[in-house]
Amino acid sequence: MADQSIDRRLLLQAAAFSPALAAVVTSQARAADGADKLVVIAELVAKPGQADALRDIMVPFTAGARHEPGCELYVLMEDREAPGRFLTYEIWTNPAALAAHMQTPEIKAAGPKLADILAKPFTQAKLKTLSAS
């Protein structure tokens, strides 16, 4: 049950960044045939003084991830009230596409770079859409 509360909290935090963005991305989270796609919200928090370093890694990484097979949407956001706290909102065609993403050379190369920058391990909430309009 704790995992569900974390998932809801991350979703609400991401939606709070922009109600218009939330409306757009939730409408895209439904497949044309009505089947739910895999929606992911990830959180990455930089150590104090490391926000610029994390941003410098995440911006180009996000641009590349958008072109991966199965990636339908990949949005990078930074908390206006807590600089250095980043959330991603991702839509993948299925769990296999996300699994492939997590094994890319770019992800593997980012790991060692992030080790000294992150204040805590990154988290991923894997969600399914219950209602979108």
C-alpha atoms as a PDB file:
ATOM      1  CA  MET A   1       0.000   0.000   0.000  1.00  0.00           C
ATOM      2  CA  ALA A   2       2.929   2.350   0.644  1.00  0.00           C
ATOM      3  CA  ASP A   3       3.997   2.059  -2.994  1.00  0.00           C
ATOM      4  CA  GLN A   4       0.554   3.238  -4.144  1.00  0.00           C
ATOM      5  CA  SER A   5       0.731   6.326  -1.928  1.00  0.00           C
ATOM      6  CA  ILE A   6       4.172   7.141  -3.350  1.00  0.00           C
ATOM      7  CA  ASP A   7       2.815   6.706  -6.882  1.00  0.00           C
ATOM      8  CA  ARG A   8      -0.146   8.998  -6.205  1.00  0.00           C
ATOM      9  CA  ARG A   9       2.056  11.590  -4.523  1.00  0.00           C
ATOM     10  CA  LEU A  10       4.469  11.664  -7.479  1.00  0.00           C
ATOM     11  CA  LEU A  11       1.582  11.929  -9.937  1.00  0.00           C
ATOM     12  CA  LEU A  12       0.044  14.813  -8.006  1.00  0.00           C
ATOM     13  CA  GLN A  13       3.399  16.557  -7.753  1.00  0.00           C
ATOM     14  CA  ALA A  14       3.963  16.209 -11.493  1.00  0.00           C
ATOM     15  CA  ALA A  15       0.441  17.413 -12.264  1.00  0.00           C
ATOM     16  CA  ALA A  16       0.986  20.426 -10.020  1.00  0.00           C
ATOM     17  CA  PHE A  17       3.768  21.633 -12.312  1.00  0.00           C
ATOM     18  CA  SER A  18       1.236  22.530 -14.961  1.00  0.00           C
ATOM     19  CA  PRO A  19      -2.475  21.720 -15.133  1.00  0.00           C
ATOM     20  CA  ALA A  20      -2.407  22.191 -18.901  1.00  0.00           C
ATOM     21  CA  LEU A  21       0.495  19.756 -19.245  1.00  0.00           C
ATOM     22  CA  ALA A  22      -1.327  17.259 -17.040  1.00  0.00           C
ATOM     23  CA  ALA A  23      -4.397  17.457 -19.274  1.00  0.00           C
ATOM     24  CA  VAL A  24      -2.363  16.889 -22.427  1.00  0.00           C
ATOM     25  CA  VAL A  25      -0.274  14.031 -21.140  1.00  0.00           C
ATOM     26  CA  THR A  26      -3.115  12.145 -19.490  1.00  0.00           C
ATOM     27  CA  SER A  27      -5.096  12.293 -22.710  1.00  0.00           C
ATOM     28  CA  GLN A  28      -2.076  10.786 -24.508  1.00  0.00           C
ATOM     29  CA  ALA A  29      -1.779   7.993 -21.940  1.00  0.00           C
ATOM     30  CA  ARG A  30      -4.602   6.023 -23.588  1.00  0.00           C
ATOM     31  CA  ALA A  31      -3.879   3.896 -26.613  1.00  0.00           C
ATOM     32  CA  ALA A  32      -6.121   4.287 -29.647  1.00  0.00           C
ATOM     33  CA  ASP A  33      -7.665   0.894 -28.900  1.00  0.00           C
ATOM     34  CA  GLY A  34      -8.384   1.904 -25.292  1.00  0.00           C
ATOM     35  CA  ALA A  35      -5.602  -0.177 -23.747  1.00  0.00           C
ATOM     36  CA  ASP A  36      -3.479   1.592 -21.172  1.00  0.00           C
ATOM     37  CA  LYS A  37       0.107   2.375 -22.018  1.00  0.00           C
ATOM     38  CA  LEU A  38       2.837   2.445 -19.401  1.00  0.00           C
ATOM     39  CA  VAL A  39       3.125   5.857 -17.749  1.00  0.00           C
ATOM     40  CA  VAL A  40       6.250   6.563 -15.703  1.00  0.00           C
ATOM     41  CA  ILE A  41       7.042   9.417 -13.368  1.00  0.00           C
ATOM     42  CA  ALA A  42      10.652   9.494 -12.219  1.00  0.00           C
ATOM     43  CA  GLU A  43      12.155  11.772  -9.598  1.00  0.00           C
ATOM     44  CA  LEU A  44      15.814  12.793  -9.475  1.00  0.00           C
ATOM     45  CA  VAL A  45      17.079  15.125  -6.744  1.00  0.00           C
ATOM     46  CA  ALA A  46      20.478  16.787  -6.946  1.00  0.00           C
ATOM     47  CA  LYS A  47      22.778  17.247  -3.988  1.00  0.00           C
ATOM     48  CA  PRO A  48      23.096  20.883  -2.853  1.00  0.00           C
ATOM     49  CA  GLY A  49      25.160  22.770  -5.408  1.00  0.00           C
ATOM     50  CA  GLN A  50      24.725  20.058  -8.063  1.00  0.00           C
ATOM     51  CA  ALA A  51      21.507  21.253  -9.778  1.00  0.00           C
ATOM     52  CA  ASP A  52      23.362  22.604 -12.816  1.00  0.00           C
ATOM     53  CA  ALA A  53      25.346  19.379 -13.202  1.00  0.00           C
ATOM     54  CA  LEU A  54      22.184  17.266 -13.071  1.00  0.00           C
ATOM     55  CA  ARG A  55      20.393  19.588 -15.504  1.00  0.00           C
ATOM     56  CA  ASP A  56      23.371  19.348 -17.888  1.00  0.00           C
ATOM     57  CA  ILE A  57      23.012  15.550 -17.904  1.00  0.00           C
ATOM     58  CA  MET A  58      19.225  15.355 -18.011  1.00  0.00           C
ATOM     59  CA  VAL A  59      18.408  17.841 -20.803  1.00  0.00           C
ATOM     60  CA  PRO A  60      20.372  16.079 -23.563  1.00  0.00           C
ATOM     61  CA  PHE A  61      19.508  12.641 -22.159  1.00  0.00           C
ATOM     62  CA  THR A  62      15.797  13.469 -22.369  1.00  0.00           C
ATOM     63  CA  ALA A  63      16.135  14.695 -25.949  1.00  0.00           C
ATOM     64  CA  GLY A  64      17.696  11.375 -26.924  1.00  0.00           C
ATOM     65  CA  ALA A  65      15.193   9.245 -25.019  1.00  0.00           C
ATOM     66  CA  ARG A  66      12.348  10.817 -26.983  1.00  0.00           C
ATOM     67  CA  HIS A  67      13.639   9.052 -30.112  1.00  0.00           C
ATOM     68  CA  GLU A  68      13.829   5.565 -28.617  1.00  0.00           C
ATOM     69  CA  PRO A  69      11.491   2.849 -29.919  1.00  0.00           C
ATOM     70  CA  GLY A  70       8.313   2.758 -27.859  1.00  0.00           C
ATOM     71  CA  CYS A  71       8.742   6.211 -26.327  1.00  0.00           C
ATOM     72  CA  GLU A  72       5.636   8.266 -27.046  1.00  0.00           C
ATOM     73  CA  LEU A  73       6.300  11.130 -24.652  1.00  0.00           C
ATOM     74  CA  TYR A  74       9.239  12.117 -22.445  1.00  0.00           C
ATOM     75  CA  VAL A  75       8.913  15.371 -20.530  1.00  0.00           C
ATOM     76  CA  LEU A  76      11.574  16.724 -18.168  1.00  0.00           C
ATOM     77  CA  MET A  77      10.460  19.177 -15.494  1.00  0.00           C
ATOM     78  CA  GLU A  78      12.247  21.010 -12.685  1.00  0.00           C
ATOM     79  CA  ASP A  79      10.528  22.047  -9.485  1.00  0.00           C
ATOM     80  CA  ARG A  80      10.246  25.836  -9.420  1.00  0.00           C
ATOM     81  CA  GLU A  81      10.242  25.843  -5.619  1.00  0.00           C
ATOM     82  CA  ALA A  82      13.059  23.331  -5.203  1.00  0.00           C
ATOM     83  CA  PRO A  83      15.671  23.833  -7.935  1.00  0.00           C
ATOM     84  CA  GLY A  84      17.596  20.633  -8.484  1.00  0.00           C
ATOM     85  CA  ARG A  85      14.509  18.447  -8.076  1.00  0.00           C
ATOM     86  CA  PHE A  86      13.576  16.975 -11.452  1.00  0.00           C
ATOM     87  CA  LEU A  87      10.600  14.891 -12.515  1.00  0.00           C
ATOM     88  CA  THR A  88      10.104  13.093 -15.787  1.00  0.00           C
ATOM     89  CA  TYR A  89       6.713  12.216 -17.214  1.00  0.00           C
ATOM     90  CA  GLU A  90       7.065   9.382 -19.694  1.00  0.00           C
ATOM     91  CA  ILE A  91       4.642   7.362 -21.805  1.00  0.00           C
ATOM     92  CA  TRP A  92       5.864   4.036 -23.199  1.00  0.00           C
ATOM     93  CA  THR A  93       3.950   1.770 -25.558  1.00  0.00           C
ATOM     94  CA  ASN A  94       4.441  -1.163 -23.182  1.00  0.00           C
ATOM     95  CA  PRO A  95       6.654  -2.430 -20.328  1.00  0.00           C
ATOM     96  CA  ALA A  96       9.088  -4.005 -22.816  1.00  0.00           C
ATOM     97  CA  ALA A  97       9.820  -0.576 -24.323  1.00  0.00           C
ATOM     98  CA  LEU A  98      10.639   0.806 -20.874  1.00  0.00           C
ATOM     99  CA  ALA A  99      12.787  -2.238 -20.093  1.00  0.00           C
ATOM    100  CA  ALA A 100      14.728  -1.653 -23.320  1.00  0.00           C
ATOM    101  CA  HIS A 101      15.138   2.035 -22.398  1.00  0.00           C
ATOM    102  CA  MET A 102      16.592   1.048 -19.023  1.00  0.00           C
ATOM    103  CA  GLN A 103      19.263  -1.028 -20.806  1.00  0.00           C
ATOM    104  CA  THR A 104      20.416   1.577 -23.341  1.00  0.00           C
ATOM    105  CA  PRO A 105      24.074   2.618 -23.431  1.00  0.00           C
ATOM    106  CA  GLU A 106      22.925   6.146 -22.488  1.00  0.00           C
ATOM    107  CA  ILE A 107      21.299   4.930 -19.259  1.00  0.00           C
ATOM    108  CA  LYS A 108      24.323   2.810 -18.410  1.00  0.00           C
ATOM    109  CA  ALA A 109      26.667   5.751 -19.079  1.00  0.00           C
ATOM    110  CA  ALA A 110      24.560   8.101 -16.938  1.00  0.00           C
ATOM    111  CA  GLY A 111      24.700   5.845 -13.872  1.00  0.00           C
ATOM    112  CA  PRO A 112      28.282   6.600 -12.799  1.00  0.00           C
ATOM    113  CA  LYS A 113      27.817  10.320 -13.519  1.00  0.00           C
ATOM    114  CA  LEU A 114      24.688  10.463 -11.366  1.00  0.00           C
ATOM    115  CA  ALA A 115      26.259   8.659  -8.411  1.00  0.00           C
ATOM    116  CA  ASP A 116      28.088  11.779  -7.211  1.00  0.00           C
ATOM    117  CA  ILE A 117      25.305  14.211  -8.143  1.00  0.00           C
ATOM    118  CA  LEU A 118      22.120  12.687  -6.729  1.00  0.00           C
ATOM    119  CA  ALA A 119      21.085  13.359  -3.143  1.00  0.00           C
ATOM    120  CA  LYS A 120      19.200  10.040  -3.075  1.00  0.00           C
ATOM    121  CA  PRO A 121      18.546   7.168  -5.483  1.00  0.00           C
ATOM    122  CA  PHE A 122      16.163   8.121  -8.263  1.00  0.00           C
ATOM    123  CA  THR A 123      12.629   6.750  -8.038  1.00  0.00           C
ATOM    124  CA  GLN A 124      10.260   5.534 -10.729  1.00  0.00           C
ATOM    125  CA  ALA A 125       6.499   5.238 -10.355  1.00  0.00           C
ATOM    126  CA  LYS A 126       5.008   2.939 -13.004  1.00  0.00           C
ATOM    127  CA  LEU A 127       1.390   3.907 -13.470  1.00  0.00           C
ATOM    128  CA  LYS A 128      -1.665   2.926 -15.431  1.00  0.00           C
ATOM    129  CA  THR A 129      -4.250   5.449 -16.540  1.00  0.00           C
ATOM    130  CA  LEU A 130      -7.634   5.070 -14.865  1.00  0.00           C
ATOM    131  CA  SER A 131      -9.327   8.150 -16.243  1.00  0.00           C
ATOM    132  CA  ALA A 132      -8.302  10.621 -18.921  1.00  0.00           C
ATOM    133  CA  SER A 133     -10.172  13.303 -20.798  1.00  0.00           C
END
